[in-house]
Amino acid sequence: MARSMRDIKRQIKSVQNTKQITKAMEMVAASKLRKAQEKAEAARPYSQKLKEVVTSIATGTQGIQHPMLVSRPVKRTGYLIVTSDRGLAGGYNANILRKVTMLIAERHKSKDEYDLFVIGRKGRDFLRRREYPIVEEVTELSDAPKFADIKSIAYSAVQQFESGGFDELYICYNRFVNAITQVPTVDRLLPMDQVAAPEHQEVKASYEYEPSPEGVLEVLLPKYAETLIYSAILDGKASELGAKMTAMGSATKNASKMIGELTLTYNRARQAAITQEITEIVAGANAQS
């Protein structure tokens, strides 16, 4: 019984140490989440203004046939997948990877029909083990990624679409709703036929172009696509930190519950040991009398 009590006490100490770690990680994730939300929100005005300019040019000029604005028969598809480098984030990675693999299985019969661009070590390792065709990867992003960190992979994905390497480009990430809810999302990024405004919508501003609307679009459209990718990555990073905060919060609560149960078990074992000792003393005294 004494050995059992020592084991229980050792287990309680171990769970208490784990609880301290998960609580600290929860607080760190909460602090980083606020900064990630602020960064994601700060990037939106730039993205919205760029979309306004692109829409104005696309809808206000006749005869523009830029490759990024024109749908074509789909023979090959590109997917840019955003995951994390580390775990301890609940279902953050599993949810988006499950959604992507199911989508690929439904839409494609052969690996020759799609290419993958992967951000995050978890996604890269998962897809590499299953021999998916990974064209390019980026890992070890910070919790506050800069555009320069993902510029290479964003530029590569956009350029391969523009040059005809594939006919559609999708971005796959977890859309941030709040710290508890992150929605696995697959959005079509290219072609950008969705930037064209409805006929009844008025253009908000008038622009003069130098040298020409086509020349401006040639520069703006790739930058706009890269900006959308960067915004999705910022959203995904906020989702990752929210998932980590929630997962560590749940782990802390579970540790507290386990400590309570182990303490109750320890007290019962201690009470049983004391009762047994008293019984043995009384039995010995009765035997002598």
Protein backbone atom coordinates (compact mmCIF):
# COMPACT_ATOMS: atom_id res chain seq x y z
CA MET A 1 0.00 0.00 0.00
CA ALA A 2 2.88 2.37 0.87
CA ARG A 3 4.44 1.70 -2.54
CA SER A 4 1.11 2.41 -4.22
CA MET A 5 0.78 5.69 -2.35
CA ARG A 6 4.29 6.71 -3.43
CA ASP A 7 3.38 5.99 -7.06
CA ILE A 8 0.21 8.06 -6.79
CA LYS A 9 2.08 10.94 -5.18
CA ARG A 10 4.73 10.80 -7.92
CA GLN A 11 2.01 10.82 -10.58
CA ILE A 12 0.33 13.84 -8.99
CA LYS A 13 3.63 15.72 -9.07
CA SER A 14 4.14 14.79 -12.74
CA VAL A 15 0.67 16.00 -13.72
CA GLN A 16 1.21 19.24 -11.76
CA ASN A 17 4.40 19.90 -13.74
CA THR A 18 2.56 19.21 -16.98
CA LYS A 19 -0.20 21.58 -15.94
CA GLN A 20 2.31 24.37 -15.35
CA ILE A 21 3.74 23.86 -18.84
CA THR A 22 0.36 23.79 -20.62
CA LYS A 23 -0.81 26.86 -18.70
CA ALA A 24 2.32 28.77 -19.71
CA MET A 25 1.89 27.69 -23.35
CA GLU A 26 -1.75 28.78 -23.27
CA MET A 27 -0.77 32.25 -22.05
CA VAL A 28 2.00 32.58 -24.64
CA ALA A 29 -0.37 31.55 -27.44
CA ALA A 30 -3.00 34.03 -26.21
CA SER A 31 -0.43 36.84 -26.26
CA LYS A 32 0.77 35.93 -29.77
CA LEU A 33 -2.81 35.52 -31.00
CA ARG A 34 -3.61 39.17 -30.30
CA LYS A 35 -0.61 40.27 -32.33
CA ALA A 36 -1.47 37.88 -35.16
CA GLN A 37 -5.04 39.20 -35.30
CA GLU A 38 -3.80 42.77 -35.42
CA LYS A 39 -1.40 41.93 -38.26
CA ALA A 40 -4.09 40.11 -40.25
CA GLU A 41 -6.49 43.03 -39.81
CA ALA A 42 -3.79 45.55 -40.77
CA ALA A 43 -3.19 43.74 -44.08
CA ARG A 44 -6.84 43.86 -45.15
CA PRO A 45 -7.07 47.57 -46.15
CA TYR A 46 -4.14 47.16 -48.57
CA SER A 47 -5.68 44.03 -50.07
CA GLN A 48 -9.09 45.70 -50.40
CA LYS A 49 -7.63 48.82 -52.06
CA LEU A 50 -5.62 46.72 -54.47
CA LYS A 51 -8.75 44.76 -55.35
CA GLU A 52 -10.62 48.02 -55.95
CA VAL A 53 -7.97 49.21 -58.40
CA VAL A 54 -7.79 45.87 -60.20
CA THR A 55 -11.58 45.69 -60.44
CA SER A 56 -11.74 49.25 -61.75
CA ILE A 57 -9.25 48.48 -64.51
CA ALA A 58 -10.78 45.11 -65.41
CA THR A 59 -14.33 46.43 -65.61
CA GLY A 60 -13.55 49.86 -67.04
CA THR A 61 -11.44 48.74 -69.97
CA GLN A 62 -12.71 46.78 -72.94
CA GLY A 63 -10.84 43.93 -74.58
CA ILE A 64 -8.41 43.02 -71.79
CA GLN A 65 -7.49 39.33 -72.01
CA HIS A 66 -4.94 38.85 -69.25
CA PRO A 67 -4.23 35.14 -68.51
CA MET A 68 -5.04 35.62 -64.83
CA LEU A 69 -8.53 36.88 -65.65
CA VAL A 70 -9.53 34.25 -68.18
CA SER A 71 -10.84 30.77 -67.35
CA ARG A 72 -9.50 27.95 -69.48
CA PRO A 73 -10.12 24.20 -69.70
CA VAL A 74 -8.75 22.59 -66.54
CA LYS A 75 -6.15 19.93 -67.26
CA ARG A 76 -3.94 20.51 -64.24
CA THR A 77 -4.56 22.15 -60.84
CA GLY A 78 -2.30 23.76 -58.27
CA TYR A 79 -2.94 23.73 -54.52
CA LEU A 80 -1.16 25.98 -52.02
CA ILE A 81 -1.62 24.41 -48.57
CA VAL A 82 -1.02 26.30 -45.31
CA THR A 83 -0.17 24.26 -42.19
CA SER A 84 1.98 24.76 -39.09
CA ASP A 85 5.56 23.76 -38.32
CA ARG A 86 4.74 22.36 -34.89
CA GLY A 87 1.99 20.37 -33.25
CA LEU A 88 0.10 20.87 -29.97
CA ALA A 89 -2.60 22.74 -31.92
CA GLY A 90 -5.55 20.37 -31.62
CA GLY A 91 -7.08 19.53 -34.99
CA TYR A 92 -5.60 22.55 -36.79
CA ASN A 93 -3.43 20.57 -39.20
CA ALA A 94 -5.53 17.40 -39.36
CA ASN A 95 -8.68 19.29 -40.40
CA ILE A 96 -7.18 21.13 -43.38
CA LEU A 97 -5.11 18.14 -44.53
CA ARG A 98 -8.16 15.88 -44.38
CA LYS A 99 -10.18 18.37 -46.43
CA VAL A 100 -7.44 18.75 -49.05
CA THR A 101 -6.76 15.02 -49.44
CA MET A 102 -10.48 14.28 -49.79
CA LEU A 103 -10.82 17.04 -52.40
CA ILE A 104 -7.85 15.71 -54.37
CA ALA A 105 -9.22 12.16 -54.22
CA GLU A 106 -12.60 13.36 -55.54
CA ARG A 107 -11.26 15.59 -58.32
CA HIS A 108 -8.17 13.80 -59.60
CA LYS A 109 -7.48 10.29 -60.83
CA SER A 110 -3.73 10.70 -61.25
CA LYS A 111 -0.87 12.57 -59.58
CA ASP A 112 -0.12 14.05 -63.00
CA GLU A 113 -3.26 16.21 -62.69
CA TYR A 114 -2.12 18.42 -59.81
CA ASP A 115 0.85 20.10 -58.07
CA LEU A 116 1.18 21.02 -54.39
CA PHE A 117 2.85 24.04 -52.81
CA VAL A 118 3.14 23.48 -49.06
CA ILE A 119 3.74 25.91 -46.22
CA GLY A 120 4.53 24.31 -42.85
CA ARG A 121 6.53 21.27 -41.78
CA LYS A 122 3.49 19.31 -40.57
CA GLY A 123 1.79 19.49 -43.94
CA ARG A 124 5.01 18.79 -45.82
CA ASP A 125 5.82 15.70 -43.76
CA PHE A 126 2.25 14.37 -43.97
CA LEU A 127 2.05 14.75 -47.75
CA ARG A 128 5.61 13.59 -48.39
CA ARG A 129 5.02 10.33 -46.48
CA ARG A 130 2.04 9.66 -48.76
CA GLU A 131 4.06 10.55 -51.86
CA TYR A 132 2.00 13.52 -53.00
CA PRO A 133 3.72 15.65 -55.70
CA ILE A 134 5.17 18.60 -53.75
CA VAL A 135 6.61 21.24 -56.10
CA GLU A 136 7.81 23.74 -53.51
CA GLU A 137 7.77 24.12 -49.74
CA VAL A 138 8.39 26.71 -47.04
CA THR A 139 8.98 25.82 -43.39
CA GLU A 140 10.01 27.49 -40.14
CA LEU A 141 7.81 30.57 -40.50
CA SER A 142 7.75 32.82 -37.46
CA ASP A 143 4.55 33.56 -35.53
CA ALA A 144 4.55 36.98 -37.23
CA PRO A 145 5.48 36.10 -40.84
CA LYS A 146 6.59 38.82 -43.22
CA PHE A 147 5.73 38.93 -46.90
CA ALA A 148 9.40 38.33 -47.73
CA ASP A 149 9.18 34.95 -45.93
CA ILE A 150 6.59 33.60 -48.39
CA LYS A 151 7.32 35.75 -51.43
CA SER A 152 9.24 32.98 -53.22
CA ILE A 153 6.53 30.32 -53.00
CA ALA A 154 3.72 32.83 -53.74
CA TYR A 155 5.58 34.16 -56.79
CA SER A 156 6.33 30.63 -58.01
CA ALA A 157 2.69 29.51 -57.70
CA VAL A 158 1.35 32.59 -59.50
CA GLN A 159 3.98 32.43 -62.26
CA GLN A 160 3.35 28.75 -62.94
CA PHE A 161 -0.35 29.50 -63.43
CA GLU A 162 0.40 32.48 -65.65
CA SER A 163 2.80 30.44 -67.80
CA GLY A 164 0.29 27.60 -68.19
CA GLY A 165 1.87 25.14 -65.78
CA PHE A 166 -1.63 24.55 -64.40
CA ASP A 167 -5.06 25.98 -65.14
CA GLU A 168 -6.39 26.66 -61.62
CA LEU A 169 -4.79 27.60 -58.32
CA TYR A 170 -6.48 26.98 -54.97
CA ILE A 171 -5.34 28.17 -51.57
CA CYS A 172 -6.13 25.84 -48.66
CA TYR A 173 -5.98 27.21 -45.12
CA ASN A 174 -7.85 27.49 -41.82
CA ARG A 175 -9.99 30.64 -41.83
CA PHE A 176 -9.93 32.37 -38.46
CA VAL A 177 -13.32 32.99 -36.84
CA ASN A 178 -12.31 33.19 -33.19
CA ALA A 179 -9.97 31.46 -30.75
CA ILE A 180 -12.28 28.44 -30.56
CA THR A 181 -13.40 28.21 -34.20
CA GLN A 182 -11.17 27.81 -37.25
CA VAL A 183 -12.83 26.77 -40.50
CA PRO A 184 -10.88 24.63 -43.03
CA THR A 185 -11.25 26.61 -46.27
CA VAL A 186 -10.37 25.96 -49.91
CA ASP A 187 -10.67 29.09 -52.08
CA ARG A 188 -10.00 29.36 -55.80
CA LEU A 189 -7.34 32.01 -56.20
CA LEU A 190 -6.74 31.85 -59.95
CA PRO A 191 -8.13 32.62 -62.48
CA MET A 192 -9.48 35.86 -61.02
CA ASP A 193 -12.72 36.12 -62.94
CA GLN A 194 -14.36 37.00 -59.60
CA VAL A 195 -12.68 40.44 -59.54
CA ALA A 196 -15.01 41.65 -62.29
CA ALA A 197 -17.69 43.79 -60.73
CA PRO A 198 -21.39 43.27 -61.56
CA GLU A 199 -22.74 45.43 -64.37
CA HIS A 200 -24.97 47.47 -62.07
CA GLN A 201 -22.11 48.27 -59.68
CA GLU A 202 -20.58 51.69 -60.15
CA VAL A 203 -16.82 52.10 -60.20
CA LYS A 204 -15.84 54.11 -57.14
CA ALA A 205 -12.85 55.88 -58.65
CA SER A 206 -11.46 56.91 -62.02
CA TYR A 207 -7.81 56.28 -62.87
CA GLU A 208 -5.42 57.35 -65.58
CA TYR A 209 -3.00 54.64 -66.68
CA GLU A 210 0.58 54.93 -67.82
CA PRO A 211 1.60 53.39 -70.15
CA SER A 212 -1.72 51.49 -70.55
CA PRO A 213 -4.36 49.59 -68.57
CA GLU A 214 -2.87 46.33 -69.85
CA GLY A 215 0.58 47.35 -68.65
CA VAL A 216 -0.74 48.24 -65.20
CA LEU A 217 -2.64 44.96 -64.94
CA GLU A 218 0.49 43.08 -65.96
CA VAL A 219 2.12 44.38 -62.79
CA LEU A 220 -0.84 44.57 -60.41
CA LEU A 221 -2.50 41.19 -60.97
CA PRO A 222 0.47 39.05 -59.81
CA LYS A 223 0.95 41.35 -56.82
CA TYR A 224 -2.75 41.12 -56.00
CA ALA A 225 -2.62 37.31 -56.11
CA GLU A 226 0.48 37.27 -53.92
CA THR A 227 -1.25 39.63 -51.48
CA LEU A 228 -4.23 37.28 -51.24
CA ILE A 229 -1.85 34.41 -50.47
CA TYR A 230 -0.12 36.46 -47.78
CA SER A 231 -3.47 37.44 -46.24
CA ALA A 232 -4.52 33.78 -46.13
CA ILE A 233 -1.22 32.90 -44.41
CA LEU A 234 -1.77 35.61 -41.79
CA ASP A 235 -5.29 34.28 -41.26
CA GLY A 236 -3.90 30.76 -40.98
CA LYS A 237 -1.31 31.86 -38.43
CA ALA A 238 -4.03 33.47 -36.29
CA SER A 239 -6.01 30.22 -36.58
CA GLU A 240 -2.96 28.20 -35.54
CA LEU A 241 -2.38 30.31 -32.43
CA GLY A 242 -6.09 30.20 -31.57
CA ALA A 243 -6.06 26.41 -31.91
CA LYS A 244 -2.94 26.19 -29.72
CA MET A 245 -4.48 28.40 -27.06
CA THR A 246 -7.66 26.31 -27.03
CA ALA A 247 -5.76 23.00 -26.99
CA MET A 248 -3.48 24.09 -24.15
CA GLY A 249 -6.47 25.45 -22.22
CA SER A 250 -8.21 22.08 -22.55
CA ALA A 251 -5.02 20.29 -21.50
CA THR A 252 -4.75 22.49 -18.41
CA LYS A 253 -8.36 21.77 -17.44
CA ASN A 254 -7.84 18.04 -17.96
CA ALA A 255 -4.68 18.16 -15.83
CA SER A 256 -6.60 19.89 -13.02
CA LYS A 257 -9.31 17.24 -13.21
CA MET A 258 -6.73 14.45 -13.17
CA ILE A 259 -4.97 15.98 -10.15
CA GLY A 260 -8.28 16.09 -8.29
CA GLU A 261 -9.00 12.43 -9.08
CA LEU A 262 -5.49 11.32 -8.13
CA THR A 263 -5.63 13.30 -4.88
CA LEU A 264 -8.92 11.61 -4.00
CA THR A 265 -7.39 8.21 -4.77
CA TYR A 266 -4.35 9.06 -2.64
CA ASN A 267 -6.51 10.13 0.31
CA ARG A 268 -8.57 6.95 0.08
CA ALA A 269 -5.43 4.82 -0.03
CA ARG A 270 -4.00 6.71 2.96
CA GLN A 271 -7.25 6.32 4.89
CA ALA A 272 -7.31 2.59 4.11
CA ALA A 273 -3.72 2.23 5.34
CA ILE A 274 -4.52 4.04 8.60
CA THR A 275 -7.65 1.96 9.12
CA GLN A 276 -5.67 -1.24 8.56
CA GLU A 277 -3.03 -0.19 11.08
CA ILE A 278 -5.69 0.59 13.69
CA THR A 279 -7.37 -2.76 13.04
CA GLU A 280 -4.05 -4.58 13.50
CA ILE A 281 -3.34 -2.72 16.77
CA VAL A 282 -6.80 -3.52 18.16
CA ALA A 283 -6.48 -7.14 17.07
CA GLY A 284 -3.10 -7.41 18.79
CA ALA A 285 -4.41 -5.87 22.01
CA ASN A 286 -7.38 -8.27 22.05
CA ALA A 287 -5.06 -11.23 21.52
CA GLN A 288 -2.97 -10.27 24.55
CA SER A 289 -5.94 -9.72 26.89
